[in-house]
PDB file of N, CA and C in Angstrom:
ATOM      1  N   MET A   1     114.629  95.556  99.758  1.00  0.00           N
ATOM      2  CA  MET A   1     114.746  97.042  99.924  1.00  0.00           C
ATOM      3  C   MET A   1     113.610  97.632  98.988  1.00  0.00           C
ATOM      4  N   LYS A   2     112.756  98.394  99.607  1.00  0.00           N
ATOM      5  CA  LYS A   2     111.601  99.262  98.943  1.00  0.00           C
ATOM      6  C   LYS A   2     112.333 100.416  98.257  1.00  0.00           C
ATOM      7  N   THR A   3     111.659 100.625  97.088  1.00  0.00           N
ATOM      8  CA  THR A   3     112.110 102.221  96.514  1.00  0.00           C
ATOM      9  C   THR A   3     110.620 102.908  96.404  1.00  0.00           C
ATOM     10  N   TYR A   4     110.824 104.097  96.564  1.00  0.00           N
ATOM     11  CA  TYR A   4     109.800 105.053  96.610  1.00  0.00           C
ATOM     12  C   TYR A   4     109.726 105.916  95.400  1.00  0.00           C
ATOM     13  N   LEU A   5     110.527 105.682  94.394  1.00  0.00           N
ATOM     14  CA  LEU A   5     110.770 106.486  93.234  1.00  0.00           C
ATOM     15  C   LEU A   5     109.450 106.433  92.396  1.00  0.00           C
ATOM     16  N   ALA A   6     108.964 105.600  92.310  1.00  0.00           N
ATOM     17  CA  ALA A   6     107.608 105.388  91.316  1.00  0.00           C
ATOM     18  C   ALA A   6     106.383 106.090  91.837  1.00  0.00           C
ATOM     19  N   PRO A   7     106.049 105.963  93.290  1.00  0.00           N
ATOM     20  CA  PRO A   7     104.958 106.732  93.906  1.00  0.00           C
ATOM     21  C   PRO A   7     105.463 108.173  93.828  1.00  0.00           C
ATOM     22  N   ALA A   8     106.560 108.547  94.080  1.00  0.00           N
ATOM     23  CA  ALA A   8     106.968 109.997  94.035  1.00  0.00           C
ATOM     24  C   ALA A   8     106.810 110.605  92.758  1.00  0.00           C
ATOM     25  N   ALA A   9     107.322 109.727  91.803  1.00  0.00           N
ATOM     26  CA  ALA A   9     107.094 110.279  90.298  1.00  0.00           C
ATOM     27  C   ALA A   9     105.478 110.374  89.987  1.00  0.00           C
ATOM     28  N   GLY A  10     104.678 109.497  90.572  1.00  0.00           N
ATOM     29  CA  GLY A  10     103.297 109.517  90.101  1.00  0.00           C
ATOM     30  C   GLY A  10     102.683 110.872  90.810  1.00  0.00           C
ATOM     31  N   ILE A  11     103.022 111.121  91.990  1.00  0.00           N
ATOM     32  CA  ILE A  11     102.596 112.213  92.911  1.00  0.00           C
ATOM     33  C   ILE A  11     102.936 113.453  92.234  1.00  0.00           C
ATOM     34  N   CYS A  12     104.027 113.560  91.685  1.00  0.00           N
ATOM     35  CA  CYS A  12     104.496 114.780  90.876  1.00  0.00           C
ATOM     36  C   CYS A  12     103.736 114.973  89.805  1.00  0.00           C
ATOM     37  N   LEU A  13     103.637 113.929  89.159  1.00  0.00           N
ATOM     38  CA  LEU A  13     102.845 114.037  87.788  1.00  0.00           C
ATOM     39  C   LEU A  13     101.606 114.370  87.876  1.00  0.00           C
ATOM     40  N   ALA A  14     100.839 113.915  88.890  1.00  0.00           N
ATOM     41  CA  ALA A  14      99.409 114.013  89.184  1.00  0.00           C
ATOM     42  C   ALA A  14      99.248 115.285  89.596  1.00  0.00           C
ATOM     43  N   PHE A  15     100.159 116.255  90.501  1.00  0.00           N
ATOM     44  CA  PHE A  15     100.105 117.449  91.076  1.00  0.00           C
ATOM     45  C   PHE A  15     100.331 118.448  89.807  1.00  0.00           C
ATOM     46  N   SER A  16     101.336 118.007  89.012  1.00  0.00           N
ATOM     47  CA  SER A  16     101.597 119.010  87.883  1.00  0.00           C
ATOM     48  C   SER A  16     100.578 119.200  86.895  1.00  0.00           C
ATOM     49  N   GLN A  17      99.778 118.072  86.892  1.00  0.00           N
ATOM     50  CA  GLN A  17      98.579 118.041  85.810  1.00  0.00           C
ATOM     51  C   GLN A  17      97.475 118.756  86.342  1.00  0.00           C
ATOM     52  N   TYR A  18      97.239 118.657  87.657  1.00  0.00           N
ATOM     53  CA  TYR A  18      95.949 119.135  88.329  1.00  0.00           C
ATOM     54  C   TYR A  18      96.107 120.756  88.599  1.00  0.00           C
ATOM     55  N   LEU A  19      97.145 121.109  89.103  1.00  0.00           N
ATOM     56  CA  LEU A  19      97.267 122.554  89.551  1.00  0.00           C
ATOM     57  C   LEU A  19      96.967 123.449  88.536  1.00  0.00           C
ATOM     58  N   PRO A  20      97.848 123.474  87.326  1.00  0.00           N
ATOM     59  CA  PRO A  20      97.384 124.669  86.405  1.00  0.00           C
ATOM     60  C   PRO A  20      95.843 124.627  85.912  1.00  0.00           C
ATOM     61  N   ARG A  21      95.289 123.499  85.905  1.00  0.00           N
ATOM     62  CA  ARG A  21      93.853 123.537  85.381  1.00  0.00           C
ATOM     63  C   ARG A  21      92.994 124.256  86.512  1.00  0.00           C
ATOM     64  N   GLU A  22      93.367 124.236  87.640  1.00  0.00           N
ATOM     65  CA  GLU A  22      92.558 124.727  88.890  1.00  0.00           C
ATOM     66  C   GLU A  22      92.866 126.009  89.413  1.00  0.00           C
ATOM     67  N   ALA A  23      94.045 126.442  89.244  1.00  0.00           N
ATOM     68  CA  ALA A  23      94.581 127.697  90.133  1.00  0.00           C
ATOM     69  C   ALA A  23      94.220 128.857  89.123  1.00  0.00           C
ATOM     70  N   THR A  24      94.057 129.877  89.697  1.00  0.00           N
ATOM     71  CA  THR A  24      94.002 131.242  89.059  1.00  0.00           C
ATOM     72  C   THR A  24      94.786 132.153  89.827  1.00  0.00           C
ATOM     73  N   PRO A  25      95.195 133.267  89.336  1.00  0.00           N
ATOM     74  CA  PRO A  25      96.015 134.228  90.035  1.00  0.00           C
ATOM     75  C   PRO A  25      95.469 134.752  91.417  1.00  0.00           C
ATOM     76  N   HIS A  26      94.106 134.746  91.509  1.00  0.00           N
ATOM     77  CA  HIS A  26      93.539 135.150  92.853  1.00  0.00           C
ATOM     78  C   HIS A  26      93.199 133.886  93.692  1.00  0.00           C
ATOM     79  N   SER A  27      93.318 132.811  93.298  1.00  0.00           N
ATOM     80  CA  SER A  27      93.037 131.437  94.139  1.00  0.00           C
ATOM     81  C   SER A  27      94.129 130.569  93.811  1.00  0.00           C
ATOM     82  N   LEU A  28      95.066 130.445  94.804  1.00  0.00           N
ATOM     83  CA  LEU A  28      96.204 129.414  94.628  1.00  0.00           C
ATOM     84  C   LEU A  28      96.136 128.363  95.922  1.00  0.00           C
ATOM     85  N   VAL A  29      95.932 128.811  96.968  1.00  0.00           N
ATOM     86  CA  VAL A  29      96.115 127.953  98.189  1.00  0.00           C
ATOM     87  C   VAL A  29      95.098 126.776  98.095  1.00  0.00           C
ATOM     88  N   ARG A  30      93.857 127.120  98.100  1.00  0.00           N
ATOM     89  CA  ARG A  30      92.846 126.147  97.809  1.00  0.00           C
ATOM     90  C   ARG A  30      93.086 125.168  96.818  1.00  0.00           C
ATOM     91  N   PRO A  31      93.272 125.478  95.546  1.00  0.00           N
ATOM     92  CA  PRO A  31      93.609 124.483  94.515  1.00  0.00           C
ATOM     93  C   PRO A  31      94.870 123.709  94.680  1.00  0.00           C
ATOM     94  N   ALA A  32      95.850 124.414  95.388  1.00  0.00           N
ATOM     95  CA  ALA A  32      96.967 123.672  95.842  1.00  0.00           C
ATOM     96  C   ALA A  32      96.866 122.589  96.890  1.00  0.00           C
ATOM     97  N   VAL A  33      96.165 122.800  97.752  1.00  0.00           N
ATOM     98  CA  VAL A  33      95.905 121.843  98.926  1.00  0.00           C
ATOM     99  C   VAL A  33      94.979 120.704  98.313  1.00  0.00           C
ATOM    100  N   ALA A  34      94.014 121.042  97.355  1.00  0.00           N
ATOM    101  CA  ALA A  34      93.189 120.080  96.676  1.00  0.00           C
ATOM    102  C   ALA A  34      94.072 119.180  95.624  1.00  0.00           C
ATOM    103  N   GLY A  35      94.967 119.852  95.007  1.00  0.00           N
ATOM    104  CA  GLY A  35      95.818 119.164  94.016  1.00  0.00           C
ATOM    105  C   GLY A  35      96.733 118.214  95.023  1.00  0.00           C
ATOM    106  N   LEU A  36      97.253 118.480  96.069  1.00  0.00           N
ATOM    107  CA  LEU A  36      98.018 117.613  96.914  1.00  0.00           C
ATOM    108  C   LEU A  36      97.354 116.456  97.382  1.00  0.00           C
ATOM    109  N   VAL A  37      95.989 116.536  97.868  1.00  0.00           N
ATOM    110  CA  VAL A  37      95.280 115.525  98.153  1.00  0.00           C
ATOM    111  C   VAL A  37      94.995 114.456  96.898  1.00  0.00           C
ATOM    112  N   PHE A  38      94.628 115.063  95.820  1.00  0.00           N
ATOM    113  CA  PHE A  38      94.419 114.553  94.730  1.00  0.00           C
ATOM    114  C   PHE A  38      95.580 113.557  94.317  1.00  0.00           C
ATOM    115  N   ALA A  39      96.751 114.349  94.304  1.00  0.00           N
ATOM    116  CA  ALA A  39      97.939 113.598  93.771  1.00  0.00           C
ATOM    117  C   ALA A  39      98.479 112.493  94.787  1.00  0.00           C
ATOM    118  N   LEU A  40      98.232 112.673  96.139  1.00  0.00           N
ATOM    119  CA  LEU A  40      98.828 111.662  97.153  1.00  0.00           C
ATOM    120  C   LEU A  40      97.931 110.364  96.854  1.00  0.00           C
ATOM    121  N   PHE A  41      96.652 110.528  96.557  1.00  0.00           N
ATOM    122  CA  PHE A  41      95.773 109.370  96.172  1.00  0.00           C
ATOM    123  C   PHE A  41      95.870 108.691  94.899  1.00  0.00           C
ATOM    124  N   THR A  42      95.915 109.699  93.825  1.00  0.00           N
ATOM    125  CA  THR A  42      95.999 109.008  92.444  1.00  0.00           C
ATOM    126  C   THR A  42      97.379 108.731  92.101  1.00  0.00           C
ATOM    127  N   GLY A  43      98.142 109.657  92.370  1.00  0.00           N
ATOM    128  CA  GLY A  43      99.656 109.469  91.886  1.00  0.00           C
ATOM    129  C   GLY A  43     100.335 108.409  92.703  1.00  0.00           C
ATOM    130  N   GLY A  44     100.140 108.422  94.075  1.00  0.00           N
ATOM    131  CA  GLY A  44     100.755 107.604  94.986  1.00  0.00           C
ATOM    132  C   GLY A  44     100.189 106.019  94.804  1.00  0.00           C
ATOM    133  N   LEU A  45      99.003 106.074  94.634  1.00  0.00           N
ATOM    134  CA  LEU A  45      98.430 104.643  94.399  1.00  0.00           C
ATOM    135  C   LEU A  45      98.955 104.165  93.056  1.00  0.00           C
ATOM    136  N   GLY A  46      98.768 105.026  92.043  1.00  0.00           N
ATOM    137  CA  GLY A  46      99.158 104.436  90.759  1.00  0.00           C
ATOM    138  C   GLY A  46     100.756 104.037  90.760  1.00  0.00           C
ATOM    139  N   GLY A  47     101.495 105.084  91.253  1.00  0.00           N
ATOM    140  CA  GLY A  47     102.961 104.686  91.200  1.00  0.00           C
ATOM    141  C   GLY A  47     103.374 103.391  92.081  1.00  0.00           C
ATOM    142  N   TRP A  48     102.444 103.200  93.154  1.00  0.00           N
ATOM    143  CA  TRP A  48     102.715 102.208  94.008  1.00  0.00           C
ATOM    144  C   TRP A  48     102.308 100.753  93.228  1.00  0.00           C
ATOM    145  N   LEU A  49     101.321 100.796  92.487  1.00  0.00           N
ATOM    146  CA  LEU A  49     100.719  99.664  91.811  1.00  0.00           C
ATOM    147  C   LEU A  49     101.721  99.252  90.644  1.00  0.00           C
ATOM    148  N   LEU A  50     102.091 100.436  89.856  1.00  0.00           N
ATOM    149  CA  LEU A  50     103.134 100.151  88.725  1.00  0.00           C
ATOM    150  C   LEU A  50     104.321  99.517  89.371  1.00  0.00           C
ATOM    151  N   ALA A  51     105.060 100.129  90.455  1.00  0.00           N
ATOM    152  CA  ALA A  51     106.175  99.611  91.134  1.00  0.00           C
ATOM    153  C   ALA A  51     105.880  98.240  91.540  1.00  0.00           C
ATOM    154  N   ALA A  52     104.937  97.783  92.112  1.00  0.00           N
ATOM    155  CA  ALA A  52     104.691  96.448  92.648  1.00  0.00           C
ATOM    156  C   ALA A  52     104.541  95.563  91.509  1.00  0.00           C
ATOM    157  N   ILE A  53     103.886  95.964  90.241  1.00  0.00           N
ATOM    158  CA  ILE A  53     103.621  95.035  89.157  1.00  0.00           C
ATOM    159  C   ILE A  53     105.069  94.828  88.293  1.00  0.00           C
ATOM    160  N   SER A  54     105.813  95.869  88.334  1.00  0.00           N
ATOM    161  CA  SER A  54     107.172  95.690  87.641  1.00  0.00           C
ATOM    162  C   SER A  54     108.226  94.829  88.600  1.00  0.00           C
ATOM    163  N   ARG A  55     108.065  94.977  89.826  1.00  0.00           N
ATOM    164  CA  ARG A  55     108.914  94.324  90.733  1.00  0.00           C
ATOM    165  C   ARG A  55     108.532  92.853  90.828  1.00  0.00           C
ATOM    166  N   ALA A  56     107.135  92.513  90.566  1.00  0.00           N
ATOM    167  CA  ALA A  56     106.815  90.992  90.411  1.00  0.00           C
ATOM    168  C   ALA A  56     107.149  90.557  89.096  1.00  0.00           C
ATOM    169  N   LEU A  57     107.151  91.389  88.065  1.00  0.00           N
ATOM    170  CA  LEU A  57     107.576  90.696  86.759  1.00  0.00           C
ATOM    171  C   LEU A  57     109.017  90.775  86.595  1.00  0.00           C
ATOM    172  N   PHE A  58     109.575  91.753  86.859  1.00  0.00           N
ATOM    173  CA  PHE A  58     111.251  91.922  86.578  1.00  0.00           C
ATOM    174  C   PHE A  58     112.125  91.934  87.859  1.00  0.00           C
ATOM    175  N   GLY A  59     111.676  91.705  88.851  1.00  0.00           N
ATOM    176  CA  GLY A  59     112.393  91.862  90.094  1.00  0.00           C
ATOM    177  C   GLY A  59     113.385  90.782  90.318  1.00  0.00           C
ATOM    178  N   GLN A  60     114.281  91.022  91.095  1.00  0.00           N
ATOM    179  CA  GLN A  60     115.373  90.062  91.406  1.00  0.00           C
ATOM    180  C   GLN A  60     115.045  89.045  92.478  1.00  0.00           C
ATOM    181  N   LYS A  61     115.268  87.719  92.217  1.00  0.00           N
ATOM    182  CA  LYS A  61     114.863  86.777  93.273  1.00  0.00           C
ATOM    183  C   LYS A  61     116.059  86.599  94.505  1.00  0.00           C
ATOM    184  N   PRO A  62     115.682  86.504  95.509  1.00  0.00           N
ATOM    185  CA  PRO A  62     116.665  86.492  96.588  1.00  0.00           C
ATOM    186  C   PRO A  62     117.566  85.232  96.257  1.00  0.00           C
ATOM    187  N   PRO A  63     118.906  85.457  96.694  1.00  0.00           N
ATOM    188  CA  PRO A  63     119.701  84.281  96.527  1.00  0.00           C
ATOM    189  C   PRO A  63     119.384  82.920  97.496  1.00  0.00           C
ATOM    190  N   LYS A  64     119.765  81.850  96.748  1.00  0.00           N
ATOM    191  CA  LYS A  64     119.476  80.652  97.816  1.00  0.00           C
ATOM    192  C   LYS A  64     120.509  80.553  98.706  1.00  0.00           C
ATOM    193  N   LYS A  65     120.187  79.888  99.856  1.00  0.00           N
ATOM    194  CA  LYS A  65     121.076  79.708 100.872  1.00  0.00           C
ATOM    195  C   LYS A  65     121.998  78.489 100.523  1.00  0.00           C
ATOM    196  N   ALA A  66     123.072  78.375 101.015  1.00  0.00           N
ATOM    197  CA  ALA A  66     123.939  77.256 100.812  1.00  0.00           C
ATOM    198  C   ALA A  66     123.611  76.245 101.735  1.00  0.00           C
ATOM    199  N   LYS A  67     123.619  75.081 101.160  1.00  0.00           N
ATOM    200  CA  LYS A  67     123.413  73.878 101.954  1.00  0.00           C
ATOM    201  C   LYS A  67     124.487  73.328 102.685  1.00  0.00           C
ATOM    202  N   ARG A  68     124.529  72.856 103.957  1.00  0.00           N
ATOM    203  CA  ARG A  68     125.605  72.406 104.630  1.00  0.00           C
ATOM    204  C   ARG A  68     125.634  70.826 104.737  1.00  0.00           C
TER     205      ARG A  68
END
């Protein structure tokens, strides 16, 4: 079962760091769209990599099948 919590958290973190730096009261839409694209690539990829690494190091192994 895959979890999408780590990529979602990475996307939220990247977006929340990008938008306040670029947006102004007179320009909100263009920085928001750019921030979303930036967050999807950086936060999504970073979160996915961290989840894959932690799953490989600390993940549960599937149960062995019983022999007959």
